[in-house]
């Protein structure tokens, strides 16, 4: 249907609207990943400022915040706020789409 993009050319409008180009799902944000990244970024900023200021305790405090970001992100993922596991239906659909694509070539 969409002649501009060869990857989506054979998809219907309904498939494009529901996100068929992403395994039937639209890309989502995951709170665990974003929380860990934001906390770690703040830690990098803290460590960078104190490194330039030649303040060793402040630098190590920033490194501690970076580690805390990883721990918080991992804990949130363990609590179920991370990326969901793929269902058998999604895996089967991907394999079928791959087989169809290979058959076209």
Protein backbone atom coordinates (compact mmCIF):
# COMPACT_ATOMS: atom_id res chain seq x y z
CA UNK A 1 0.00 0.00 0.00
CA UNK A 2 2.82 2.39 0.85
CA UNK A 3 5.01 2.70 -2.26
CA UNK A 4 7.65 4.90 -0.63
CA UNK A 5 9.01 2.30 1.79
CA UNK A 6 9.70 -1.20 0.45
CA UNK A 7 9.49 -2.71 3.95
CA UNK A 8 5.91 -1.47 4.48
CA UNK A 9 4.73 -1.54 0.87
CA UNK A 10 2.58 -4.68 1.27
CA UNK A 11 1.00 -3.75 4.59
CA UNK A 12 -2.56 -2.53 4.83
CA UNK A 13 -3.45 0.77 6.49
CA UNK A 14 -4.88 -1.12 9.48
CA UNK A 15 -1.61 -3.04 9.93
CA UNK A 16 0.40 0.17 9.75
CA UNK A 17 -1.90 1.90 12.25
CA UNK A 18 -1.58 -0.89 14.81
CA UNK A 19 2.19 -0.97 14.41
CA UNK A 20 2.67 -4.11 12.31
CA UNK A 21 6.19 -3.01 11.40
CA UNK A 22 7.22 -3.52 15.03
CA UNK A 23 6.11 -7.11 15.54
CA UNK A 24 2.50 -6.04 16.01
CA UNK A 25 3.41 -3.73 18.86
CA UNK A 26 4.25 -0.07 18.95
CA UNK A 27 7.53 0.82 20.61
CA UNK A 28 6.94 1.53 24.29
CA UNK A 29 8.99 3.07 27.01
CA UNK A 30 9.85 0.95 30.00
CA UNK A 31 9.92 2.66 33.40
CA UNK A 32 12.73 0.48 34.75
CA UNK A 33 15.08 1.36 31.91
CA UNK A 34 14.33 5.07 31.92
CA UNK A 35 14.61 5.36 35.69
CA UNK A 36 17.98 3.60 35.72
CA UNK A 37 19.28 5.72 32.85
CA UNK A 38 18.15 9.01 34.39
CA UNK A 39 19.67 8.19 37.79
CA UNK A 40 22.92 7.08 36.13
CA UNK A 41 23.02 10.23 34.00
CA UNK A 42 22.67 12.37 37.11
CA UNK A 43 25.52 10.36 38.64
CA UNK A 44 27.71 11.02 35.59
CA UNK A 45 26.97 14.74 35.89
CA UNK A 46 27.84 14.74 39.59
CA UNK A 47 31.05 12.78 39.04
CA UNK A 48 32.03 15.02 36.13
CA UNK A 49 31.54 18.23 38.08
CA UNK A 50 33.54 16.99 41.06
CA UNK A 51 36.26 15.54 38.82
CA UNK A 52 36.80 18.95 37.23
CA UNK A 53 36.74 20.53 40.70
CA UNK A 54 39.39 17.99 41.85
CA UNK A 55 37.16 16.86 44.71
CA UNK A 56 37.74 13.14 45.17
CA UNK A 57 34.92 12.42 47.67
CA UNK A 58 32.38 14.18 45.43
CA UNK A 59 33.63 12.21 42.44
CA UNK A 60 33.15 8.89 44.26
CA UNK A 61 29.73 10.02 45.43
CA UNK A 62 28.83 10.51 41.75
CA UNK A 63 30.14 7.04 40.94
CA UNK A 64 27.97 5.73 43.79
CA UNK A 65 24.92 7.38 42.22
CA UNK A 66 25.78 5.70 38.90
CA UNK A 67 25.87 2.29 40.61
CA UNK A 68 22.62 3.16 42.41
CA UNK A 69 20.99 3.79 39.01
CA UNK A 70 21.86 0.26 37.90
CA UNK A 71 20.57 -1.23 41.14
CA UNK A 72 17.30 0.73 41.01
CA UNK A 73 16.74 -0.17 37.32
CA UNK A 74 17.45 -3.85 38.00
CA UNK A 75 15.16 -3.84 41.01
CA UNK A 76 12.35 -2.26 39.03
CA UNK A 77 12.82 -4.81 36.26
CA UNK A 78 12.65 -7.62 38.82
CA UNK A 79 9.44 -6.06 40.16
CA UNK A 80 7.86 -6.36 36.70
CA UNK A 81 8.32 -2.82 35.44
CA UNK A 82 10.84 -3.75 32.74
CA UNK A 83 10.41 -4.99 29.20
CA UNK A 84 7.80 -7.76 29.04
CA UNK A 85 8.76 -11.22 27.83
CA UNK A 86 7.62 -12.20 24.35
CA UNK A 87 4.66 -14.53 24.11
CA UNK A 88 4.67 -17.66 21.97
CA UNK A 89 2.28 -15.92 19.56
CA UNK A 90 4.74 -13.07 18.96
CA UNK A 91 7.61 -15.50 18.36
CA UNK A 92 5.49 -17.56 15.95
CA UNK A 93 4.37 -14.45 14.06
CA UNK A 94 7.97 -13.25 13.72
CA UNK A 95 9.11 -16.64 12.41
CA UNK A 96 6.23 -16.73 9.91
CA UNK A 97 7.04 -13.20 8.71
CA UNK A 98 10.71 -14.10 8.35
CA UNK A 99 9.87 -17.21 6.35
CA UNK A 100 7.55 -15.16 4.10
CA UNK A 101 10.21 -12.51 3.56
CA UNK A 102 12.83 -15.12 2.69
CA UNK A 103 10.43 -16.77 0.25
CA UNK A 104 9.99 -13.46 -1.61
CA UNK A 105 13.72 -13.11 -2.21
